């Protein structure tokens, strides 16, 4: 039962977010041999000035070794 949360800056259109969710769904189903009904996807918009406290520090920094794709930026870039 994969649940995917995408956190990103605001500014993308609803069409872009729907397309992203559809592509993620397609890839999750194909890669994990899952059914569509078992997958859920959320998109959370986070203001740039909140990224460090709401995303980087709680979600990225403590999980750095577990990330399959690490960010190309650090806290000093935010």
N, C-alpha and C. Protein backbone atom coordinates (compact mmCIF):
# COMPACT_ATOMS: atom_id res chain seq x y z
N UNK A 1 0.83 -1.18 0.00
CA UNK A 1 0.00 0.00 0.00
C UNK A 1 0.88 1.25 0.00
N UNK A 2 1.49 1.56 -1.09
CA UNK A 2 2.34 2.75 -1.11
C UNK A 2 1.54 4.05 -0.97
N UNK A 3 2.04 4.92 -0.13
CA UNK A 3 1.51 6.29 -0.02
C UNK A 3 2.68 7.22 -0.29
N UNK A 4 2.54 8.06 -1.29
CA UNK A 4 3.60 8.96 -1.72
C UNK A 4 3.21 10.39 -1.38
N UNK A 5 4.11 11.11 -0.73
CA UNK A 5 3.88 12.52 -0.43
C UNK A 5 4.95 13.33 -1.16
N UNK A 6 4.50 14.26 -1.99
CA UNK A 6 5.40 15.16 -2.70
C UNK A 6 5.27 16.53 -2.05
N UNK A 7 6.37 17.05 -1.55
CA UNK A 7 6.38 18.39 -0.96
C UNK A 7 7.14 19.28 -1.93
N UNK A 8 6.55 20.43 -2.24
CA UNK A 8 7.18 21.33 -3.20
C UNK A 8 6.72 22.75 -2.98
N UNK A 9 7.49 23.66 -3.56
CA UNK A 9 7.11 25.07 -3.51
C UNK A 9 5.80 25.26 -4.26
N UNK A 10 5.00 26.23 -3.86
CA UNK A 10 3.80 26.57 -4.61
C UNK A 10 4.15 27.13 -5.99
N UNK A 11 3.16 27.13 -6.86
CA UNK A 11 3.35 27.75 -8.16
C UNK A 11 3.04 26.86 -9.34
N UNK A 12 2.92 25.56 -9.09
CA UNK A 12 2.57 24.65 -10.19
C UNK A 12 1.06 24.68 -10.37
N UNK A 13 0.62 24.50 -11.59
CA UNK A 13 -0.81 24.49 -11.88
C UNK A 13 -1.43 23.18 -11.42
N UNK A 14 -2.75 23.18 -11.31
CA UNK A 14 -3.47 21.94 -10.97
C UNK A 14 -3.22 20.88 -12.04
N UNK A 15 -3.13 21.31 -13.29
CA UNK A 15 -2.86 20.35 -14.38
C UNK A 15 -1.49 19.71 -14.20
N UNK A 16 -0.49 20.50 -13.82
CA UNK A 16 0.85 19.95 -13.58
C UNK A 16 0.83 18.97 -12.42
N UNK A 17 0.12 19.31 -11.36
CA UNK A 17 0.06 18.43 -10.19
C UNK A 17 -0.68 17.13 -10.53
N UNK A 18 -1.75 17.23 -11.29
CA UNK A 18 -2.46 16.01 -11.72
C UNK A 18 -1.56 15.13 -12.58
N UNK A 19 -0.84 15.76 -13.51
CA UNK A 19 0.06 15.00 -14.39
C UNK A 19 1.16 14.32 -13.57
N UNK A 20 1.72 15.04 -12.60
CA UNK A 20 2.74 14.46 -11.73
C UNK A 20 2.17 13.26 -10.98
N UNK A 21 0.99 13.41 -10.39
CA UNK A 21 0.37 12.32 -9.65
C UNK A 21 0.09 11.12 -10.57
N UNK A 22 -0.36 11.38 -11.77
CA UNK A 22 -0.62 10.29 -12.73
C UNK A 22 0.67 9.56 -13.09
N UNK A 23 1.76 10.31 -13.29
CA UNK A 23 3.04 9.69 -13.64
C UNK A 23 3.60 8.88 -12.47
N UNK A 24 3.50 9.45 -11.26
CA UNK A 24 3.94 8.70 -10.08
C UNK A 24 3.14 7.42 -9.95
N UNK A 25 1.81 7.52 -10.10
CA UNK A 25 0.96 6.34 -10.01
C UNK A 25 1.38 5.28 -11.02
N UNK A 26 1.57 5.69 -12.25
CA UNK A 26 1.98 4.76 -13.30
C UNK A 26 3.29 4.07 -12.94
N UNK A 27 4.26 4.84 -12.46
CA UNK A 27 5.56 4.28 -12.12
C UNK A 27 5.50 3.36 -10.90
N UNK A 28 4.73 3.74 -9.89
CA UNK A 28 4.60 2.90 -8.69
C UNK A 28 3.95 1.57 -9.06
N UNK A 29 2.88 1.63 -9.82
CA UNK A 29 2.18 0.41 -10.23
C UNK A 29 3.11 -0.50 -11.03
N UNK A 30 3.82 0.06 -11.99
CA UNK A 30 4.71 -0.74 -12.85
C UNK A 30 5.91 -1.28 -12.08
N UNK A 31 6.52 -0.44 -11.26
CA UNK A 31 7.75 -0.83 -10.57
C UNK A 31 7.49 -1.81 -9.43
N UNK A 32 6.43 -1.58 -8.68
CA UNK A 32 6.16 -2.41 -7.51
C UNK A 32 5.13 -3.50 -7.76
N UNK A 33 4.66 -3.60 -9.00
CA UNK A 33 3.64 -4.57 -9.35
C UNK A 33 2.45 -4.45 -8.40
N UNK A 34 2.03 -3.20 -8.19
CA UNK A 34 0.91 -2.87 -7.30
C UNK A 34 -0.35 -2.66 -8.12
N UNK A 35 -1.47 -2.64 -7.44
CA UNK A 35 -2.69 -2.25 -8.11
C UNK A 35 -2.90 -0.75 -7.88
N UNK A 36 -3.56 -0.10 -8.82
CA UNK A 36 -3.84 1.33 -8.68
C UNK A 36 -4.61 1.63 -7.41
N UNK A 37 -5.50 0.76 -7.03
CA UNK A 37 -6.35 1.04 -5.86
C UNK A 37 -5.58 1.01 -4.56
N UNK A 38 -4.36 0.46 -4.57
CA UNK A 38 -3.58 0.41 -3.33
C UNK A 38 -2.66 1.62 -3.16
N UNK A 39 -2.61 2.49 -4.16
CA UNK A 39 -1.68 3.62 -4.13
C UNK A 39 -2.44 4.91 -3.81
N UNK A 40 -1.85 5.73 -2.94
CA UNK A 40 -2.38 7.06 -2.69
C UNK A 40 -1.23 8.06 -2.83
N UNK A 41 -1.57 9.25 -3.29
CA UNK A 41 -0.57 10.28 -3.57
C UNK A 41 -1.09 11.61 -3.05
N UNK A 42 -0.24 12.31 -2.31
CA UNK A 42 -0.56 13.64 -1.81
C UNK A 42 0.49 14.63 -2.31
N UNK A 43 0.06 15.85 -2.56
CA UNK A 43 0.98 16.92 -2.90
C UNK A 43 0.77 18.02 -1.88
N UNK A 44 1.84 18.38 -1.20
CA UNK A 44 1.80 19.43 -0.18
C UNK A 44 2.66 20.59 -0.65
N UNK A 45 2.07 21.76 -0.68
CA UNK A 45 2.83 22.96 -1.04
C UNK A 45 3.40 23.59 0.23
N UNK A 46 4.69 23.92 0.17
CA UNK A 46 5.38 24.52 1.30
C UNK A 46 6.05 25.80 0.80
N UNK A 47 5.82 26.88 1.50
CA UNK A 47 6.41 28.16 1.13
C UNK A 47 7.93 28.07 1.24
N UNK A 48 8.67 28.72 0.33
CA UNK A 48 10.13 28.67 0.37
C UNK A 48 10.72 29.04 1.72
N UNK A 49 10.15 30.04 2.37
CA UNK A 49 10.69 30.48 3.66
C UNK A 49 10.43 29.46 4.77
N UNK A 50 9.56 28.49 4.54
CA UNK A 50 9.26 27.46 5.52
C UNK A 50 9.97 26.13 5.24
N UNK A 51 10.63 26.02 4.09
CA UNK A 51 11.21 24.75 3.64
C UNK A 51 12.19 24.17 4.66
N UNK A 52 13.07 24.98 5.18
CA UNK A 52 14.09 24.49 6.12
C UNK A 52 13.43 23.85 7.34
N UNK A 53 12.47 24.53 7.95
CA UNK A 53 11.86 24.04 9.18
C UNK A 53 10.79 22.96 8.95
N UNK A 54 10.05 23.05 7.85
CA UNK A 54 8.94 22.12 7.63
C UNK A 54 9.30 20.90 6.80
N UNK A 55 10.40 20.98 6.04
CA UNK A 55 10.76 19.86 5.18
C UNK A 55 12.20 19.39 5.42
N UNK A 56 13.15 20.29 5.24
CA UNK A 56 14.55 19.86 5.30
C UNK A 56 14.92 19.28 6.67
N UNK A 57 14.66 20.04 7.73
CA UNK A 57 15.07 19.57 9.07
C UNK A 57 14.31 18.32 9.52
N UNK A 58 12.99 18.23 9.35
CA UNK A 58 12.31 17.02 9.85
C UNK A 58 12.33 15.82 8.89
N UNK A 59 12.35 16.07 7.58
CA UNK A 59 12.18 14.96 6.62
C UNK A 59 13.46 14.56 5.90
N UNK A 60 14.35 15.49 5.66
CA UNK A 60 15.53 15.20 4.85
C UNK A 60 16.76 14.97 5.72
N UNK A 61 17.09 15.93 6.53
CA UNK A 61 18.33 15.88 7.32
C UNK A 61 18.48 14.60 8.15
N UNK A 62 17.47 14.22 8.95
CA UNK A 62 17.66 13.02 9.77
C UNK A 62 17.58 11.71 8.98
N UNK A 63 17.12 11.77 7.76
CA UNK A 63 16.96 10.56 6.93
C UNK A 63 17.97 10.49 5.79
N UNK A 64 19.01 11.31 5.83
CA UNK A 64 19.94 11.43 4.70
C UNK A 64 20.47 10.08 4.22
N UNK A 65 20.81 9.21 5.13
CA UNK A 65 21.37 7.90 4.74
C UNK A 65 20.32 7.00 4.08
N UNK A 66 19.06 7.22 4.37
CA UNK A 66 18.00 6.39 3.81
C UNK A 66 17.45 6.93 2.49
N UNK A 67 17.83 8.15 2.11
CA UNK A 67 17.32 8.75 0.88
C UNK A 67 17.91 8.04 -0.34
N UNK A 68 17.07 7.68 -1.27
CA UNK A 68 17.54 7.08 -2.52
C UNK A 68 17.99 8.15 -3.50
N UNK A 69 17.49 9.35 -3.35
CA UNK A 69 17.94 10.51 -4.13
C UNK A 69 18.12 11.64 -3.13
N UNK A 70 19.39 12.03 -2.92
CA UNK A 70 19.70 13.10 -1.99
C UNK A 70 19.59 14.45 -2.69
N UNK A 71 19.23 15.50 -1.95
CA UNK A 71 19.14 16.82 -2.58
C UNK A 71 20.53 17.35 -2.92
N UNK A 72 20.57 18.21 -3.92
CA UNK A 72 21.83 18.84 -4.32
C UNK A 72 22.02 20.17 -3.62
N UNK A 73 21.38 20.36 -2.50
CA UNK A 73 21.49 21.60 -1.72
C UNK A 73 21.55 21.23 -0.24
N UNK A 74 21.98 22.18 0.54
CA UNK A 74 22.03 21.99 1.99
C UNK A 74 21.35 23.13 2.70
N UNK A 75 21.33 23.08 4.03
CA UNK A 75 20.64 24.11 4.79
C UNK A 75 21.16 25.52 4.52
N UNK A 76 22.43 25.66 4.24
CA UNK A 76 22.98 27.00 3.99
C UNK A 76 22.52 27.58 2.67
N UNK A 77 21.96 26.75 1.79
CA UNK A 77 21.44 27.22 0.51
C UNK A 77 20.00 27.73 0.64
N UNK A 78 19.39 27.48 1.77
CA UNK A 78 17.97 27.84 1.94
C UNK A 78 17.81 29.18 2.62
